[in-house]
Amino acid sequence: MKDIYELLASLQINYRRHDHPPVFTVEEADRHKGAIAGGQSKNLFLRNKKGQRHYLLVAEAHRPVSLKSLQTLLGESTLSFASPERLMKYLGLTPGSVSPFGIVNDERREVVVLLDRALMAHTQLNFHPNVNTATLTVSREDFQRFLEHCGNEVRTLALPTEGAT
């Protein structure tokens, strides 16, 4: 697994690190990230019905997400959450630590990154540094440079909220 801090330094990406107790849900994160400015995210690692395609959805933390509407938007018959084993295989991460920074571990560039247009409207963005005991704040432009460096397919979407929970 690659060191995210070394990569950010090599790309000359500035960040602010905020340490906090481990968080596993958006609600837990809210208790610790209250004073952190910028767009807060939730990150969902998804797979299609046959497990042939994998997606990392990077959405605004409190945005309702309808997997059924998302699967229609992506042209998939079914989307579901990927297993912890798949999460480790493709992103080198464990549940609770899902982050777009995990894309650095997808050397075969198999995971499609789905960015929520509403989240990307923020000038500052917040993500785990591949562990759930800290949050890194980076500029939107630097985050986009990180994604370009990794080389995965990236799609920015207006996420459907109809039927979302």
C-alpha atoms as a PDB file:
ATOM      1  CA  MET A   1       0.000   0.000   0.000  1.00  0.00           C
ATOM      2  CA  LYS A   2       1.371   3.379  -1.007  1.00  0.00           C
ATOM      3  CA  ASP A   3       1.964   6.156   1.506  1.00  0.00           C
ATOM      4  CA  ILE A   4      -0.498   8.934   0.730  1.00  0.00           C
ATOM      5  CA  TYR A   5       1.585  11.584   2.475  1.00  0.00           C
ATOM      6  CA  GLU A   6       4.654  10.795   0.344  1.00  0.00           C
ATOM      7  CA  LEU A   7       2.570  10.956  -2.818  1.00  0.00           C
ATOM      8  CA  LEU A   8       0.938  14.264  -1.884  1.00  0.00           C
ATOM      9  CA  ALA A   9       4.393  15.710  -1.148  1.00  0.00           C
ATOM     10  CA  SER A  10       5.770  14.464  -4.478  1.00  0.00           C
ATOM     11  CA  LEU A  11       2.822  16.082  -6.283  1.00  0.00           C
ATOM     12  CA  GLN A  12       3.326  19.281  -4.256  1.00  0.00           C
ATOM     13  CA  ILE A  13      -0.208  19.053  -2.936  1.00  0.00           C
ATOM     14  CA  ASN A  14      -0.775  21.087   0.205  1.00  0.00           C
ATOM     15  CA  TYR A  15      -3.109  19.780   2.878  1.00  0.00           C
ATOM     16  CA  ARG A  16      -4.217  20.444   6.425  1.00  0.00           C
ATOM     17  CA  ARG A  17      -4.364  17.388   8.667  1.00  0.00           C
ATOM     18  CA  HIS A  18      -7.004  17.106  11.385  1.00  0.00           C
ATOM     19  CA  ASP A  19      -6.539  14.190  13.802  1.00  0.00           C
ATOM     20  CA  HIS A  20      -9.594  12.754  15.564  1.00  0.00           C
ATOM     21  CA  PRO A  21     -10.833   9.504  17.123  1.00  0.00           C
ATOM     22  CA  PRO A  22     -11.753   6.725  14.659  1.00  0.00           C
ATOM     23  CA  VAL A  23     -14.996   7.437  12.788  1.00  0.00           C
ATOM     24  CA  PHE A  24     -17.018   4.879  10.865  1.00  0.00           C
ATOM     25  CA  THR A  25     -20.124   6.841   9.867  1.00  0.00           C
ATOM     26  CA  VAL A  26     -21.015  10.337   8.711  1.00  0.00           C
ATOM     27  CA  GLU A  27     -22.807  10.868  12.027  1.00  0.00           C
ATOM     28  CA  GLU A  28     -19.673   9.990  14.009  1.00  0.00           C
ATOM     29  CA  ALA A  29     -17.594  12.228  11.762  1.00  0.00           C
ATOM     30  CA  ASP A  30     -19.978  15.134  12.387  1.00  0.00           C
ATOM     31  CA  ARG A  31     -19.117  15.013  16.087  1.00  0.00           C
ATOM     32  CA  HIS A  32     -15.418  15.522  15.336  1.00  0.00           C
ATOM     33  CA  LYS A  33     -15.338  17.544  12.119  1.00  0.00           C
ATOM     34  CA  GLY A  34     -17.625  20.390  13.124  1.00  0.00           C
ATOM     35  CA  ALA A  35     -14.974  23.095  12.817  1.00  0.00           C
ATOM     36  CA  ILE A  36     -13.326  21.739   9.660  1.00  0.00           C
ATOM     37  CA  ALA A  37     -14.188  23.998   6.728  1.00  0.00           C
ATOM     38  CA  GLY A  38     -14.963  22.710   3.247  1.00  0.00           C
ATOM     39  CA  GLY A  39     -17.003  19.964   1.667  1.00  0.00           C
ATOM     40  CA  GLN A  40     -17.344  16.874   3.843  1.00  0.00           C
ATOM     41  CA  SER A  41     -17.568  13.586   1.981  1.00  0.00           C
ATOM     42  CA  LYS A  42     -18.971  10.111   2.238  1.00  0.00           C
ATOM     43  CA  ASN A  43     -17.361   7.457   0.104  1.00  0.00           C
ATOM     44  CA  LEU A  44     -19.121   4.306  -1.066  1.00  0.00           C
ATOM     45  CA  PHE A  45     -17.309   1.419  -2.767  1.00  0.00           C
ATOM     46  CA  LEU A  46     -19.760  -0.262  -5.129  1.00  0.00           C
ATOM     47  CA  ARG A  47     -19.808  -3.131  -7.610  1.00  0.00           C
ATOM     48  CA  ASN A  48     -22.079  -4.127 -10.454  1.00  0.00           C
ATOM     49  CA  LYS A  49     -24.171  -7.304 -10.374  1.00  0.00           C
ATOM     50  CA  LYS A  50     -21.486  -9.572 -11.834  1.00  0.00           C
ATOM     51  CA  GLY A  51     -18.645  -7.944  -9.916  1.00  0.00           C
ATOM     52  CA  GLN A  52     -16.900  -7.009 -13.161  1.00  0.00           C
ATOM     53  CA  ARG A  53     -17.019  -3.234 -12.600  1.00  0.00           C
ATOM     54  CA  HIS A  54     -16.271  -1.297  -9.450  1.00  0.00           C
ATOM     55  CA  TYR A  55     -17.126   2.279  -8.589  1.00  0.00           C
ATOM     56  CA  LEU A  56     -15.993   4.630  -5.852  1.00  0.00           C
ATOM     57  CA  LEU A  57     -18.757   7.143  -5.202  1.00  0.00           C
ATOM     58  CA  VAL A  58     -17.456  10.339  -3.588  1.00  0.00           C
ATOM     59  CA  ALA A  59     -20.510  12.320  -2.461  1.00  0.00           C
ATOM     60  CA  GLU A  60     -21.374  15.158  -0.117  1.00  0.00           C
ATOM     61  CA  ALA A  61     -21.600  13.690   3.376  1.00  0.00           C
ATOM     62  CA  HIS A  62     -25.279  14.438   3.972  1.00  0.00           C
ATOM     63  CA  ARG A  63     -26.486  13.948   0.417  1.00  0.00           C
ATOM     64  CA  PRO A  64     -29.023  11.141   0.120  1.00  0.00           C
ATOM     65  CA  VAL A  65     -27.929   8.572  -2.463  1.00  0.00           C
ATOM     66  CA  SER A  66     -30.283   6.305  -4.380  1.00  0.00           C
ATOM     67  CA  LEU A  67     -28.359   3.263  -5.606  1.00  0.00           C
ATOM     68  CA  LYS A  68     -31.299   2.342  -7.828  1.00  0.00           C
ATOM     69  CA  SER A  69     -31.248   5.743  -9.557  1.00  0.00           C
ATOM     70  CA  LEU A  70     -27.446   5.659  -9.729  1.00  0.00           C
ATOM     71  CA  GLN A  71     -27.435   2.237 -11.374  1.00  0.00           C
ATOM     72  CA  THR A  72     -29.843   3.549 -14.016  1.00  0.00           C
ATOM     73  CA  LEU A  73     -27.630   6.595 -14.583  1.00  0.00           C
ATOM     74  CA  LEU A  74     -24.598   4.312 -15.035  1.00  0.00           C
ATOM     75  CA  GLY A  75     -26.416   1.782 -17.220  1.00  0.00           C
ATOM     76  CA  GLU A  76     -25.963  -1.022 -14.680  1.00  0.00           C
ATOM     77  CA  SER A  77     -28.700  -3.553 -13.942  1.00  0.00           C
ATOM     78  CA  THR A  78     -27.743  -3.690 -10.262  1.00  0.00           C
ATOM     79  CA  LEU A  79     -25.330  -1.899  -7.939  1.00  0.00           C
ATOM     80  CA  SER A  80     -24.472  -3.095  -4.462  1.00  0.00           C
ATOM     81  CA  PHE A  81     -21.837  -2.469  -1.834  1.00  0.00           C
ATOM     82  CA  ALA A  82     -18.608  -4.331  -2.512  1.00  0.00           C
ATOM     83  CA  SER A  83     -17.283  -6.740   0.100  1.00  0.00           C
ATOM     84  CA  PRO A  84     -14.437  -5.895   2.480  1.00  0.00           C
ATOM     85  CA  GLU A  85     -12.298  -8.347   0.487  1.00  0.00           C
ATOM     86  CA  ARG A  86     -12.911  -6.442  -2.746  1.00  0.00           C
ATOM     87  CA  LEU A  87     -12.271  -3.143  -0.964  1.00  0.00           C
ATOM     88  CA  MET A  88      -8.868  -4.438   0.133  1.00  0.00           C
ATOM     89  CA  LYS A  89      -8.087  -5.970  -3.282  1.00  0.00           C
ATOM     90  CA  TYR A  90      -8.862  -2.857  -5.329  1.00  0.00           C
ATOM     91  CA  LEU A  91      -8.148   0.053  -2.970  1.00  0.00           C
ATOM     92  CA  GLY A  92      -6.042  -1.466  -0.198  1.00  0.00           C
ATOM     93  CA  LEU A  93      -8.547  -0.181   2.373  1.00  0.00           C
ATOM     94  CA  THR A  94     -10.699  -1.554   5.166  1.00  0.00           C
ATOM     95  CA  PRO A  95     -14.331  -0.648   5.938  1.00  0.00           C
ATOM     96  CA  GLY A  96     -14.566   2.699   7.705  1.00  0.00           C
ATOM     97  CA  SER A  97     -11.513   4.055   5.897  1.00  0.00           C
ATOM     98  CA  VAL A  98     -12.901   4.342   2.367  1.00  0.00           C
ATOM     99  CA  SER A  99     -11.422   7.399   0.694  1.00  0.00           C
ATOM    100  CA  PRO A 100     -10.703   8.623  -2.813  1.00  0.00           C
ATOM    101  CA  PHE A 101      -7.037   8.629  -1.781  1.00  0.00           C
ATOM    102  CA  GLY A 102      -7.276   4.807  -1.910  1.00  0.00           C
ATOM    103  CA  ILE A 103      -7.314   5.081  -5.700  1.00  0.00           C
ATOM    104  CA  VAL A 104      -3.525   5.351  -5.498  1.00  0.00           C
ATOM    105  CA  ASN A 105      -3.501   1.601  -4.702  1.00  0.00           C
ATOM    106  CA  ASP A 106      -5.546   0.680  -7.812  1.00  0.00           C
ATOM    107  CA  GLU A 107      -2.506   0.206 -10.044  1.00  0.00           C
ATOM    108  CA  ARG A 108      -4.567  -1.469 -12.794  1.00  0.00           C
ATOM    109  CA  ARG A 109      -6.973   1.503 -12.807  1.00  0.00           C
ATOM    110  CA  GLU A 110     -10.042  -0.708 -12.618  1.00  0.00           C
ATOM    111  CA  VAL A 111     -12.158   1.446 -10.299  1.00  0.00           C
ATOM    112  CA  VAL A 112     -14.255   4.239 -11.803  1.00  0.00           C
ATOM    113  CA  VAL A 113     -14.393   7.317  -9.563  1.00  0.00           C
ATOM    114  CA  LEU A 114     -17.821   8.975  -9.420  1.00  0.00           C
ATOM    115  CA  LEU A 115     -17.726  12.540  -8.111  1.00  0.00           C
ATOM    116  CA  ASP A 116     -20.822  14.292  -6.807  1.00  0.00           C
ATOM    117  CA  ARG A 117     -21.096  17.621  -8.629  1.00  0.00           C
ATOM    118  CA  ALA A 118     -22.449  19.235  -5.435  1.00  0.00           C
ATOM    119  CA  LEU A 119     -19.359  18.158  -3.461  1.00  0.00           C
ATOM    120  CA  MET A 120     -17.038  19.385  -6.199  1.00  0.00           C
ATOM    121  CA  ALA A 121     -18.630  22.850  -5.997  1.00  0.00           C
ATOM    122  CA  HIS A 122     -16.671  23.391  -2.746  1.00  0.00           C
ATOM    123  CA  THR A 123     -13.242  25.011  -3.041  1.00  0.00           C
ATOM    124  CA  GLN A 124     -11.904  22.916  -0.129  1.00  0.00           C
ATOM    125  CA  LEU A 125     -12.567  19.175   0.208  1.00  0.00           C
ATOM    126  CA  ASN A 126     -12.100  16.784   3.134  1.00  0.00           C
ATOM    127  CA  PHE A 127     -11.167  13.099   2.951  1.00  0.00           C
ATOM    128  CA  HIS A 128      -9.622  10.420   5.160  1.00  0.00           C
ATOM    129  CA  PRO A 129      -5.934   9.779   4.388  1.00  0.00           C
ATOM    130  CA  ASN A 130      -6.810   6.059   3.971  1.00  0.00           C
ATOM    131  CA  VAL A 131      -7.304   5.696   7.736  1.00  0.00           C
ATOM    132  CA  ASN A 132     -10.325   6.878   9.707  1.00  0.00           C
ATOM    133  CA  THR A 133      -8.375   8.631  12.482  1.00  0.00           C
ATOM    134  CA  ALA A 134      -7.639  11.783  10.503  1.00  0.00           C
ATOM    135  CA  THR A 135      -9.086  14.051   7.843  1.00  0.00           C
ATOM    136  CA  LEU A 136      -7.117  15.914   5.200  1.00  0.00           C
ATOM    137  CA  THR A 137      -8.356  19.192   3.727  1.00  0.00           C
ATOM    138  CA  VAL A 138      -7.163  19.813   0.166  1.00  0.00           C
ATOM    139  CA  SER A 139      -8.135  22.292  -2.506  1.00  0.00           C
ATOM    140  CA  ARG A 140     -10.471  21.102  -5.239  1.00  0.00           C
ATOM    141  CA  GLU A 141      -7.765  21.822  -7.828  1.00  0.00           C
ATOM    142  CA  ASP A 142      -5.169  19.775  -5.945  1.00  0.00           C
ATOM    143  CA  PHE A 143      -7.634  16.909  -5.552  1.00  0.00           C
ATOM    144  CA  GLN A 144      -8.255  16.960  -9.298  1.00  0.00           C
ATOM    145  CA  ARG A 145      -4.477  16.865  -9.889  1.00  0.00           C
ATOM    146  CA  PHE A 146      -4.253  13.842  -7.581  1.00  0.00           C
ATOM    147  CA  LEU A 147      -6.967  12.058  -9.579  1.00  0.00           C
ATOM    148  CA  GLU A 148      -5.254  12.900 -12.874  1.00  0.00           C
ATOM    149  CA  HIS A 149      -1.999  11.488 -11.511  1.00  0.00           C
ATOM    150  CA  CYS A 150      -3.705   8.211 -10.581  1.00  0.00           C
ATOM    151  CA  GLY A 151      -5.215   7.839 -14.050  1.00  0.00           C
ATOM    152  CA  ASN A 152      -8.516   6.164 -13.200  1.00  0.00           C
ATOM    153  CA  GLU A 153     -11.638   7.036 -15.141  1.00  0.00           C
ATOM    154  CA  VAL A 154     -13.399   9.892 -13.340  1.00  0.00           C
ATOM    155  CA  ARG A 155     -16.994  10.977 -13.923  1.00  0.00           C
ATOM    156  CA  THR A 156     -18.613  14.014 -12.327  1.00  0.00           C
ATOM    157  CA  LEU A 157     -22.344  13.468 -11.882  1.00  0.00           C
ATOM    158  CA  ALA A 158     -25.417  15.317 -10.743  1.00  0.00           C
ATOM    159  CA  LEU A 159     -26.466  12.574  -8.357  1.00  0.00           C
ATOM    160  CA  PRO A 160     -30.106  11.562  -8.486  1.00  0.00           C
ATOM    161  CA  THR A 161     -31.797  11.877  -5.113  1.00  0.00           C
ATOM    162  CA  GLU A 162     -35.227  10.521  -6.000  1.00  0.00           C
ATOM    163  CA  GLY A 163     -35.925   7.494  -3.844  1.00  0.00           C
ATOM    164  CA  ALA A 164     -32.757   8.104  -1.855  1.00  0.00           C
ATOM    165  CA  THR A 165     -32.289   7.276   1.774  1.00  0.00           C
END
